N, C-alpha and C. Protein backbone atom coordinates (compact mmCIF):
# COMPACT_ATOMS: atom_id res chain seq x y z
N MET A 1 78.96 114.16 142.89
CA MET A 1 79.17 114.09 142.73
C MET A 1 80.06 115.42 141.81
N ASP A 2 81.06 115.46 140.37
CA ASP A 2 81.37 116.87 139.88
C ASP A 2 80.73 117.54 138.72
N GLY A 3 79.09 117.35 139.28
CA GLY A 3 78.27 118.33 138.54
C GLY A 3 78.44 118.87 136.57
N ILE A 4 79.20 117.46 136.39
CA ILE A 4 79.03 116.52 135.29
C ILE A 4 78.26 115.79 134.23
N ASP A 5 77.40 116.45 133.06
CA ASP A 5 76.68 115.54 133.07
C ASP A 5 76.24 115.61 131.58
N ARG A 6 77.55 113.74 132.45
CA ARG A 6 77.92 112.25 131.47
C ARG A 6 76.58 111.81 130.82
N ALA A 7 75.57 112.50 130.66
CA ALA A 7 74.82 111.54 130.05
C ALA A 7 75.12 112.50 127.77
N SER A 8 76.19 113.68 128.77
CA SER A 8 75.47 114.27 126.46
C SER A 8 76.67 114.35 126.39
N GLN A 9 77.74 114.05 127.06
CA GLN A 9 79.19 113.54 126.52
C GLN A 9 79.06 112.15 125.76
N PRO A 10 79.68 112.55 124.55
CA PRO A 10 79.49 111.09 123.59
C PRO A 10 80.50 109.90 124.05
N ARG A 11 80.12 108.09 123.98
CA ARG A 11 80.87 107.67 124.08
C ARG A 11 81.31 106.98 123.14
N VAL A 12 82.46 106.77 123.51
CA VAL A 12 83.81 105.81 122.16
C VAL A 12 84.63 104.47 122.97
N ALA A 13 84.15 103.60 122.07
CA ALA A 13 84.70 102.53 122.83
C ALA A 13 86.48 102.27 122.96
N LEU A 14 86.63 101.61 123.47
CA LEU A 14 88.38 101.68 123.84
C LEU A 14 88.86 101.60 122.26
N ALA A 15 90.63 101.13 122.88
CA ALA A 15 90.43 100.81 121.08
C ALA A 15 90.73 98.92 121.11
N ASP A 16 90.92 98.87 122.48
CA ASP A 16 91.20 97.06 122.25
C ASP A 16 89.64 96.58 121.94
N ASP A 17 89.11 97.68 122.91
CA ASP A 17 87.27 97.47 123.30
C ASP A 17 86.65 96.74 121.87
N VAL A 18 87.14 98.44 120.91
CA VAL A 18 87.01 98.09 119.11
C VAL A 18 86.90 96.55 118.39
N ARG A 19 88.76 96.09 118.92
CA ARG A 19 89.21 95.56 117.95
C ARG A 19 88.43 93.87 118.68
N SER A 20 87.97 93.65 120.46
CA SER A 20 88.19 92.94 120.56
C SER A 20 86.49 92.50 120.31
N ARG A 21 85.45 93.63 120.46
CA ARG A 21 84.12 92.96 119.69
C ARG A 21 83.87 93.22 118.62
N ALA A 22 85.02 92.71 117.62
CA ALA A 22 85.16 93.25 115.89
C ALA A 22 84.56 91.33 116.28
N LEU A 23 86.00 91.25 116.34
CA LEU A 23 85.92 89.56 116.48
C LEU A 23 85.37 88.59 117.71
N ALA A 24 85.00 89.22 118.64
CA ALA A 24 83.70 88.44 119.02
C ALA A 24 82.91 88.41 117.65
N ILE A 25 82.42 89.14 117.19
CA ILE A 25 81.41 89.38 116.26
C ILE A 25 81.32 89.23 114.86
N TRP A 26 83.07 88.91 114.45
CA TRP A 26 83.05 88.68 113.04
C TRP A 26 84.81 87.98 113.61
N PRO A 27 84.31 86.23 113.75
CA PRO A 27 85.77 85.74 113.35
C PRO A 27 85.95 85.12 112.57
N GLY A 28 85.70 85.77 112.06
CA GLY A 28 86.63 85.30 110.87
C GLY A 28 87.92 86.17 109.86
N LEU A 29 88.10 87.21 110.81
CA LEU A 29 88.87 89.32 110.69
C LEU A 29 90.29 87.84 110.95
N ASP A 30 90.98 88.57 109.92
CA ASP A 30 92.46 88.23 109.69
C ASP A 30 93.43 89.42 111.27
N ARG A 31 93.36 88.67 111.84
CA ARG A 31 93.98 89.13 113.46
C ARG A 31 95.01 90.37 112.74
N ARG A 32 96.11 90.45 111.83
CA ARG A 32 97.28 90.92 111.99
C ARG A 32 96.56 91.80 111.26
N LYS A 33 95.15 91.85 109.86
CA LYS A 33 94.99 92.77 109.35
C LYS A 33 94.09 93.41 110.37
N LEU A 34 93.41 93.03 111.65
CA LEU A 34 92.75 93.58 112.58
C LEU A 34 94.01 94.79 113.37
N THR A 35 95.62 94.24 113.78
CA THR A 35 96.17 94.89 115.07
C THR A 35 96.80 96.58 113.97
N ARG A 36 96.30 95.62 112.41
CA ARG A 36 97.33 96.93 111.86
C ARG A 36 96.02 98.63 111.17
N THR A 37 94.72 97.88 112.19
CA THR A 37 93.76 99.54 112.50
C THR A 37 94.48 100.12 113.52
N CYS A 38 95.66 99.49 114.01
CA CYS A 38 96.22 100.45 115.60
C CYS A 38 94.50 100.80 116.59
N GLY A 39 93.77 100.00 116.52
CA GLY A 39 92.29 100.46 116.94
C GLY A 39 91.38 101.66 116.50
N ASP A 40 91.91 102.02 115.76
CA ASP A 40 90.87 102.94 115.27
C ASP A 40 90.15 102.25 114.53
N PRO A 41 88.31 103.09 115.15
CA PRO A 41 87.19 102.20 115.20
C PRO A 41 86.92 102.16 113.27
N GLU A 42 87.09 103.84 112.67
CA GLU A 42 87.48 104.11 111.44
C GLU A 42 87.48 102.48 110.05
N ARG A 43 88.95 102.75 110.89
CA ARG A 43 90.19 101.59 109.58
C ARG A 43 89.22 100.03 109.90
N VAL A 44 88.89 100.41 111.98
CA VAL A 44 87.82 98.40 111.94
C VAL A 44 87.36 98.62 111.25
N ALA A 45 86.04 99.31 110.89
CA ALA A 45 84.88 99.01 109.36
C ALA A 45 84.94 99.10 109.02
N ARG A 46 86.07 100.03 108.30
CA ARG A 46 86.62 99.41 107.07
C ARG A 46 86.83 98.08 106.36
N LEU A 47 88.14 97.45 107.44
CA LEU A 47 88.31 96.54 107.73
C LEU A 47 86.76 94.72 107.15
N VAL A 48 86.64 95.90 108.08
CA VAL A 48 85.30 94.31 108.67
C VAL A 48 83.68 94.95 106.86
N GLY A 49 84.13 96.02 106.66
CA GLY A 49 82.91 96.67 105.42
C GLY A 49 83.76 95.76 104.24
N ARG A 50 84.36 94.52 104.53
CA ARG A 50 85.21 94.18 102.81
C ARG A 50 84.01 92.34 103.17
N ARG A 51 84.11 92.36 104.24
CA ARG A 51 82.85 91.33 104.53
C ARG A 51 82.12 91.07 104.61
N THR A 52 81.88 92.44 105.12
CA THR A 52 79.57 92.39 104.99
C THR A 52 79.09 93.18 104.40
N ALA A 53 77.91 93.43 103.37
CA ALA A 53 77.39 94.10 103.08
C ALA A 53 76.69 95.51 104.50
N LEU A 54 76.77 95.59 105.48
CA LEU A 54 76.74 96.94 106.02
C LEU A 54 76.90 97.56 106.33
N PRO A 55 76.43 99.11 106.47
CA PRO A 55 76.84 100.29 105.92
C PRO A 55 77.88 100.83 106.85
N ARG A 56 78.99 100.92 107.55
CA ARG A 56 79.55 102.02 107.88
C ARG A 56 79.92 102.30 109.25
N GLU A 57 77.67 102.95 108.87
CA GLU A 57 77.64 104.11 110.21
C GLU A 57 76.98 103.07 111.29
N ALA A 58 76.12 101.53 111.02
CA ALA A 58 76.28 100.33 111.39
C ALA A 58 76.65 99.32 111.45
N ILE A 59 78.83 99.43 111.50
CA ILE A 59 79.42 98.63 111.62
C ILE A 59 80.15 99.13 112.90
N LEU A 60 79.72 100.57 112.74
CA LEU A 60 80.23 101.48 114.33
C LEU A 60 78.52 101.03 115.57
N GLY A 61 77.89 101.22 114.71
CA GLY A 61 76.63 100.87 115.79
C GLY A 61 76.92 100.12 116.53
N ILE A 62 77.41 98.54 115.99
CA ILE A 62 77.59 96.93 116.08
C ILE A 62 78.51 97.42 117.27
N LEU A 63 80.08 97.99 116.74
CA LEU A 63 80.64 98.27 117.38
C LEU A 63 80.89 99.07 119.16
N GLY A 64 79.78 99.27 119.20
CA GLY A 64 79.29 100.54 120.23
C GLY A 64 80.54 101.97 119.84
N VAL A 65 80.42 102.46 118.74
CA VAL A 65 80.79 103.52 118.32
C VAL A 65 79.89 104.58 118.32
N VAL A 66 80.19 105.97 119.48
CA VAL A 66 79.29 106.37 118.72
C VAL A 66 79.46 107.41 117.79
N ASP A 67 79.24 107.69 115.76
CA ASP A 67 79.79 108.50 115.66
C ASP A 67 78.99 109.92 115.67
N PRO A 68 80.62 111.19 116.69
CA PRO A 68 79.63 112.56 116.97
C PRO A 68 78.75 113.04 115.41
N ALA A 69 79.58 112.88 114.57
CA ALA A 69 78.89 114.02 113.23
C ALA A 69 76.99 113.27 113.44
N ALA A 70 76.81 111.96 113.49
CA ALA A 70 75.53 111.89 113.61
C ALA A 70 74.40 112.75 114.82
N GLU A 71 75.40 112.98 115.92
CA GLU A 71 74.60 114.07 116.58
C GLU A 71 74.24 115.69 117.11
């Protein structure tokens, strides 16, 4: 153990993980547009938001991204 409390640290999904999760959940996403997001969770959420009525926070939660401002 290194003495770091990992439970208190915010967890953010990796860029490739965010894109692959988005494709798994919304398979109809345009892969070219998804690539242009550069894995930025906010940009991925904006792209997905055009296809669903879910709010941005819900999309980020589904993608496994914890919003540090919400904590």
